[in-house]
Amino acid sequence: MATTSDLRTGNIIRYNDDLCEVIEYQHINPGNWRAFVRLRLKSLKTGRIVEDRVRAGSDIDLVRVDRRSMQLSYRDGDDFVFMDPDTFEQITVGKGMMGDKARFLRENDSAYLVMEGDNLLDVDLPTFVVLKVVQTPVAVRGDTATNVTKQATLETGASITVPSFINEGDTLKIDTRTGEYIERVK
């Protein structure tokens, strides 16, 4: 059995009969009181963020997970079909599990499927993706005095906020965690 000293960001633990990912942990020793660990956990089932404190050194249930790199083969209605490039095994993921992440995923793009045995827990996209701008309004001359932004539609259909100098056909680097524009790629 693992203890709180074995915690790391990104670990999956069983907490209150729910599988949760450790987003943040902090060991606190308040003077002559007992030390404790402050936790921020994300439920893999509901996506809800839970904050709690546990006594330092107490037992925790670390869950062994496997992160498998798979490619998106195609979309089948609301489902996404991923394929393992080595074994050609296919796994179907529902729209509910993909959530908002699906707006940055193209066919043949890679993603990590988080598995516990044969149980699919989560789908992780790469932190950054490179996508092309399909549609955006033309910038008006004189709007460059301040940080003016506009909406741009990407090749996956996602709409994001970009600076006014971005044009149709530009290739952009996007942060998949926040959906924010990072930089223009040559």
C-alpha atoms as a PDB file:
ATOM      1  CA  MET A   1       0.000   0.000   0.000  1.00  0.00           C
ATOM      2  CA  ALA A   2       1.323   3.442  -0.921  1.00  0.00           C
ATOM      3  CA  THR A   3       1.408   6.460   1.388  1.00  0.00           C
ATOM      4  CA  THR A   4       1.025  10.183   0.815  1.00  0.00           C
ATOM      5  CA  SER A   5       4.791  10.498   0.299  1.00  0.00           C
ATOM      6  CA  ASP A   6       4.387   8.475  -2.933  1.00  0.00           C
ATOM      7  CA  LEU A   7       1.958  11.000  -4.473  1.00  0.00           C
ATOM      8  CA  ARG A   8       2.906  12.698  -7.731  1.00  0.00           C
ATOM      9  CA  THR A   9       0.976  15.029 -10.025  1.00  0.00           C
ATOM     10  CA  GLY A  10      -0.819  12.944 -12.653  1.00  0.00           C
ATOM     11  CA  ASN A  11      -1.155   9.829 -10.472  1.00  0.00           C
ATOM     12  CA  ILE A  12      -4.506   8.045 -10.482  1.00  0.00           C
ATOM     13  CA  ILE A  13      -5.812   7.140  -7.024  1.00  0.00           C
ATOM     14  CA  ARG A  14      -8.971   5.532  -5.691  1.00  0.00           C
ATOM     15  CA  TYR A  15     -10.623   8.142  -3.460  1.00  0.00           C
ATOM     16  CA  ASN A  16     -14.088   7.642  -1.903  1.00  0.00           C
ATOM     17  CA  ASP A  17     -14.770   4.713  -4.306  1.00  0.00           C
ATOM     18  CA  ASP A  18     -14.033   6.959  -7.316  1.00  0.00           C
ATOM     19  CA  LEU A  19     -10.995   7.050  -9.584  1.00  0.00           C
ATOM     20  CA  CYS A  20      -9.355  10.481  -9.416  1.00  0.00           C
ATOM     21  CA  GLU A  21      -6.320  12.101 -11.003  1.00  0.00           C
ATOM     22  CA  VAL A  22      -4.015  14.089  -8.717  1.00  0.00           C
ATOM     23  CA  ILE A  23      -3.934  17.629 -10.099  1.00  0.00           C
ATOM     24  CA  GLU A  24      -2.011  19.183  -7.227  1.00  0.00           C
ATOM     25  CA  TYR A  25      -0.696  18.120  -3.836  1.00  0.00           C
ATOM     26  CA  GLN A  26       1.072  20.056  -1.121  1.00  0.00           C
ATOM     27  CA  HIS A  27       2.681  18.779   2.087  1.00  0.00           C
ATOM     28  CA  ILE A  28       2.037  21.209   4.955  1.00  0.00           C
ATOM     29  CA  ASN A  29       3.631  21.085   8.421  1.00  0.00           C
ATOM     30  CA  PRO A  30       1.988  23.813  10.543  1.00  0.00           C
ATOM     31  CA  GLY A  31       4.393  24.209  13.454  1.00  0.00           C
ATOM     32  CA  ASN A  32       3.500  22.034  16.436  1.00  0.00           C
ATOM     33  CA  TRP A  33       0.353  20.581  14.787  1.00  0.00           C
ATOM     34  CA  ARG A  34       0.218  17.374  12.788  1.00  0.00           C
ATOM     35  CA  ALA A  35       1.435  17.509   9.202  1.00  0.00           C
ATOM     36  CA  PHE A  36      -1.116  17.007   6.430  1.00  0.00           C
ATOM     37  CA  VAL A  37      -1.298  16.844   2.646  1.00  0.00           C
ATOM     38  CA  ARG A  38      -3.656  19.156   0.766  1.00  0.00           C
ATOM     39  CA  LEU A  39      -5.015  17.469  -2.385  1.00  0.00           C
ATOM     40  CA  ARG A  40      -6.755  18.694  -5.543  1.00  0.00           C
ATOM     41  CA  LEU A  41      -8.255  15.748  -7.381  1.00  0.00           C
ATOM     42  CA  LYS A  42     -10.186  15.462 -10.640  1.00  0.00           C
ATOM     43  CA  SER A  43     -12.780  12.710 -10.823  1.00  0.00           C
ATOM     44  CA  LEU A  44     -12.312  10.675 -14.007  1.00  0.00           C
ATOM     45  CA  LYS A  45     -15.988   9.715 -14.048  1.00  0.00           C
ATOM     46  CA  THR A  46     -17.604  13.146 -13.616  1.00  0.00           C
ATOM     47  CA  GLY A  47     -14.721  15.564 -14.287  1.00  0.00           C
ATOM     48  CA  ARG A  48     -15.475  17.348 -11.002  1.00  0.00           C
ATOM     49  CA  ILE A  49     -12.606  18.903  -9.001  1.00  0.00           C
ATOM     50  CA  VAL A  50     -12.423  17.836  -5.345  1.00  0.00           C
ATOM     51  CA  GLU A  51     -10.233  19.445  -2.687  1.00  0.00           C
ATOM     52  CA  ASP A  52      -9.435  17.635   0.569  1.00  0.00           C
ATOM     53  CA  ARG A  53      -6.773  17.177   3.232  1.00  0.00           C
ATOM     54  CA  VAL A  54      -5.404  13.901   4.505  1.00  0.00           C
ATOM     55  CA  ARG A  55      -2.999  13.178   7.321  1.00  0.00           C
ATOM     56  CA  ALA A  56       0.633  12.954   6.180  1.00  0.00           C
ATOM     57  CA  GLY A  57       1.807   9.363   5.990  1.00  0.00           C
ATOM     58  CA  SER A  58      -1.678   7.886   5.657  1.00  0.00           C
ATOM     59  CA  ASP A  59      -2.321   5.087   3.174  1.00  0.00           C
ATOM     60  CA  ILE A  60      -3.636   5.845  -0.304  1.00  0.00           C
ATOM     61  CA  ASP A  61      -4.753   3.468  -3.030  1.00  0.00           C
ATOM     62  CA  LEU A  62      -2.650   4.111  -6.148  1.00  0.00           C
ATOM     63  CA  VAL A  63      -4.255   2.661  -9.266  1.00  0.00           C
ATOM     64  CA  ARG A  64      -1.964   1.225 -11.910  1.00  0.00           C
ATOM     65  CA  VAL A  65      -2.937   2.637 -15.293  1.00  0.00           C
ATOM     66  CA  ASP A  66      -1.598   2.150 -18.788  1.00  0.00           C
ATOM     67  CA  ARG A  67      -1.311   5.107 -21.176  1.00  0.00           C
ATOM     68  CA  ARG A  68      -1.532   3.758 -24.716  1.00  0.00           C
ATOM     69  CA  SER A  69      -0.712   5.934 -27.711  1.00  0.00           C
ATOM     70  CA  MET A  70      -3.423   5.461 -30.334  1.00  0.00           C
ATOM     71  CA  GLN A  71      -4.491   7.207 -33.538  1.00  0.00           C
ATOM     72  CA  LEU A  72      -7.957   8.484 -34.352  1.00  0.00           C
ATOM     73  CA  SER A  73      -9.033   6.373 -37.341  1.00  0.00           C
ATOM     74  CA  TYR A  74     -12.443   7.891 -38.008  1.00  0.00           C
ATOM     75  CA  ARG A  75     -15.594   9.297 -36.441  1.00  0.00           C
ATOM     76  CA  ASP A  76     -18.670   7.096 -36.439  1.00  0.00           C
ATOM     77  CA  GLY A  77     -21.561   9.451 -35.685  1.00  0.00           C
ATOM     78  CA  ASP A  78     -20.951  10.634 -32.122  1.00  0.00           C
ATOM     79  CA  ASP A  79     -18.308   7.959 -31.469  1.00  0.00           C
ATOM     80  CA  PHE A  80     -14.569   8.138 -32.081  1.00  0.00           C
ATOM     81  CA  VAL A  81     -12.713   5.020 -33.249  1.00  0.00           C
ATOM     82  CA  PHE A  82      -9.059   4.846 -32.155  1.00  0.00           C
ATOM     83  CA  MET A  83      -6.561   2.330 -33.507  1.00  0.00           C
ATOM     84  CA  ASP A  84      -3.308   1.052 -32.031  1.00  0.00           C
ATOM     85  CA  PRO A  85      -0.685   1.535 -34.791  1.00  0.00           C
ATOM     86  CA  ASP A  86       1.257  -1.568 -33.684  1.00  0.00           C
ATOM     87  CA  THR A  87      -1.467  -4.164 -33.106  1.00  0.00           C
ATOM     88  CA  PHE A  88      -4.265  -2.576 -35.209  1.00  0.00           C
ATOM     89  CA  GLU A  89      -6.653  -3.067 -32.270  1.00  0.00           C
ATOM     90  CA  GLN A  90      -9.585  -0.642 -32.385  1.00  0.00           C
ATOM     91  CA  ILE A  91     -11.316   0.995 -29.427  1.00  0.00           C
ATOM     92  CA  THR A  92     -14.517   3.042 -29.703  1.00  0.00           C
ATOM     93  CA  VAL A  93     -14.807   6.074 -27.419  1.00  0.00           C
ATOM     94  CA  GLY A  94     -18.125   7.839 -26.862  1.00  0.00           C
ATOM     95  CA  LYS A  95     -18.663  11.569 -27.260  1.00  0.00           C
ATOM     96  CA  GLY A  96     -19.316  11.901 -23.511  1.00  0.00           C
ATOM     97  CA  MET A  97     -15.819  10.721 -22.602  1.00  0.00           C
ATOM     98  CA  MET A  98     -14.129  12.902 -25.233  1.00  0.00           C
ATOM     99  CA  GLY A  99     -15.961  16.046 -24.147  1.00  0.00           C
ATOM    100  CA  ASP A 100     -14.479  19.376 -25.236  1.00  0.00           C
ATOM    101  CA  LYS A 101     -11.156  17.788 -26.238  1.00  0.00           C
ATOM    102  CA  ALA A 102     -12.651  16.439 -29.462  1.00  0.00           C
ATOM    103  CA  ARG A 103     -12.666  19.876 -31.085  1.00  0.00           C
ATOM    104  CA  PHE A 104      -8.868  19.776 -31.558  1.00  0.00           C
ATOM    105  CA  LEU A 105      -8.617  16.213 -32.907  1.00  0.00           C
ATOM    106  CA  ARG A 106      -8.271  15.352 -36.603  1.00  0.00           C
ATOM    107  CA  GLU A 107      -8.218  11.947 -38.242  1.00  0.00           C
ATOM    108  CA  ASN A 108      -4.820  10.206 -37.886  1.00  0.00           C
ATOM    109  CA  ASP A 109      -3.874  12.410 -34.902  1.00  0.00           C
ATOM    110  CA  SER A 110      -2.440  10.628 -31.877  1.00  0.00           C
ATOM    111  CA  ALA A 111      -3.913  10.637 -28.382  1.00  0.00           C
ATOM    112  CA  TYR A 112      -3.224   8.732 -25.181  1.00  0.00           C
ATOM    113  CA  LEU A 113      -5.939   6.393 -23.947  1.00  0.00           C
ATOM    114  CA  VAL A 114      -5.707   5.876 -20.185  1.00  0.00           C
ATOM    115  CA  MET A 115      -6.652   2.266 -19.411  1.00  0.00           C
ATOM    116  CA  GLU A 116      -7.028   0.235 -16.225  1.00  0.00           C
ATOM    117  CA  GLY A 117      -6.865  -3.306 -17.547  1.00  0.00           C
ATOM    118  CA  ASP A 118      -9.551  -3.344 -20.262  1.00  0.00           C
ATOM    119  CA  ASN A 119     -11.394  -0.390 -18.700  1.00  0.00           C
ATOM    120  CA  LEU A 120     -11.065   2.933 -20.535  1.00  0.00           C
ATOM    121  CA  LEU A 121     -10.718   5.767 -17.999  1.00  0.00           C
ATOM    122  CA  ASP A 122      -9.787   8.889 -19.978  1.00  0.00           C
ATOM    123  CA  VAL A 123      -8.438  10.260 -23.251  1.00  0.00           C
ATOM    124  CA  ASP A 124      -5.461  12.646 -23.111  1.00  0.00           C
ATOM    125  CA  LEU A 125      -4.524  14.784 -26.093  1.00  0.00           C
ATOM    126  CA  PRO A 126      -1.000  16.100 -26.628  1.00  0.00           C
ATOM    127  CA  THR A 127      -0.485  19.408 -24.813  1.00  0.00           C
ATOM    128  CA  PHE A 128      -0.054  21.319 -28.086  1.00  0.00           C
ATOM    129  CA  VAL A 129      -1.484  20.740 -31.564  1.00  0.00           C
ATOM    130  CA  VAL A 130      -0.754  22.494 -34.849  1.00  0.00           C
ATOM    131  CA  LEU A 131      -3.867  23.388 -36.871  1.00  0.00           C
ATOM    132  CA  LYS A 132      -4.620  25.512 -39.918  1.00  0.00           C
ATOM    133  CA  VAL A 133      -6.992  28.513 -39.909  1.00  0.00           C
ATOM    134  CA  VAL A 134      -9.881  27.945 -42.325  1.00  0.00           C
ATOM    135  CA  GLN A 135     -11.919  31.095 -41.761  1.00  0.00           C
ATOM    136  CA  THR A 136     -11.345  34.425 -40.017  1.00  0.00           C
ATOM    137  CA  PRO A 137     -12.438  38.007 -40.709  1.00  0.00           C
ATOM    138  CA  VAL A 138      -9.950  40.379 -42.322  1.00  0.00           C
ATOM    139  CA  ALA A 139      -8.246  42.755 -39.877  1.00  0.00           C
ATOM    140  CA  VAL A 140      -9.220  46.410 -40.147  1.00  0.00           C
ATOM    141  CA  ARG A 141      -6.338  48.827 -40.671  1.00  0.00           C
ATOM    142  CA  GLY A 142      -5.703  50.884 -37.541  1.00  0.00           C
ATOM    143  CA  ASP A 143      -6.776  48.201 -35.065  1.00  0.00           C
ATOM    144  CA  THR A 144      -3.162  47.408 -34.180  1.00  0.00           C
ATOM    145  CA  ALA A 145      -2.770  50.078 -31.478  1.00  0.00           C
ATOM    146  CA  THR A 146      -4.046  47.723 -28.785  1.00  0.00           C
ATOM    147  CA  ASN A 147      -4.338  43.977 -28.384  1.00  0.00           C
ATOM    148  CA  VAL A 148      -7.290  43.440 -30.695  1.00  0.00           C
ATOM    149  CA  THR A 149      -8.531  39.882 -31.071  1.00  0.00           C
ATOM    150  CA  LYS A 150     -10.946  38.134 -33.388  1.00  0.00           C
ATOM    151  CA  GLN A 151     -12.499  34.698 -33.819  1.00  0.00           C
ATOM    152  CA  ALA A 152     -10.916  32.126 -36.120  1.00  0.00           C
ATOM    153  CA  THR A 153     -12.303  28.774 -37.242  1.00  0.00           C
ATOM    154  CA  LEU A 154      -9.747  25.963 -37.407  1.00  0.00           C
ATOM    155  CA  GLU A 155      -9.668  22.976 -39.758  1.00  0.00           C
ATOM    156  CA  THR A 156     -11.304  20.792 -37.104  1.00  0.00           C
ATOM    157  CA  GLY A 157     -14.254  23.192 -36.795  1.00  0.00           C
ATOM    158  CA  ALA A 158     -13.133  24.631 -33.461  1.00  0.00           C
ATOM    159  CA  SER A 159     -13.491  28.374 -32.963  1.00  0.00           C
ATOM    160  CA  ILE A 160     -10.806  30.161 -30.934  1.00  0.00           C
ATOM    161  CA  THR A 161      -9.749  33.736 -30.184  1.00  0.00           C
ATOM    162  CA  VAL A 162      -6.636  34.889 -32.050  1.00  0.00           C
ATOM    163  CA  PRO A 163      -4.739  38.184 -32.510  1.00  0.00           C
ATOM    164  CA  SER A 164      -5.854  40.438 -35.357  1.00  0.00           C
ATOM    165  CA  PHE A 165      -2.767  39.737 -37.541  1.00  0.00           C
ATOM    166  CA  ILE A 166      -3.785  36.074 -38.103  1.00  0.00           C
ATOM    167  CA  ASN A 167      -5.052  35.379 -41.643  1.00  0.00           C
ATOM    168  CA  GLU A 168      -6.790  32.491 -43.368  1.00  0.00           C
ATOM    169  CA  GLY A 169      -4.321  29.740 -44.246  1.00  0.00           C
ATOM    170  CA  ASP A 170      -1.991  30.447 -41.291  1.00  0.00           C
ATOM    171  CA  THR A 171      -0.861  27.492 -39.195  1.00  0.00           C
ATOM    172  CA  LEU A 172      -1.246  27.944 -35.430  1.00  0.00           C
ATOM    173  CA  LYS A 173       0.020  26.190 -32.317  1.00  0.00           C
ATOM    174  CA  ILE A 174      -2.884  25.666 -29.871  1.00  0.00           C
ATOM    175  CA  ASP A 175      -2.848  24.606 -26.195  1.00  0.00           C
ATOM    176  CA  THR A 176      -5.378  21.752 -25.922  1.00  0.00           C
ATOM    177  CA  ARG A 177      -5.815  22.164 -22.142  1.00  0.00           C
ATOM    178  CA  THR A 178      -7.121  25.733 -22.390  1.00  0.00           C
ATOM    179  CA  GLY A 179      -7.977  26.124 -26.082  1.00  0.00           C
ATOM    180  CA  GLU A 180      -5.785  29.206 -26.360  1.00  0.00           C
ATOM    181  CA  TYR A 181      -3.657  30.422 -29.245  1.00  0.00           C
ATOM    182  CA  ILE A 182       0.076  30.072 -28.480  1.00  0.00           C
ATOM    183  CA  GLU A 183       1.940  31.121 -31.625  1.00  0.00           C
ATOM    184  CA  ARG A 184       1.945  31.163 -35.394  1.00  0.00           C
ATOM    185  CA  VAL A 185       3.953  28.323 -36.938  1.00  0.00           C
ATOM    186  CA  LYS A 186       5.901  28.735 -40.184  1.00  0.00           C
END
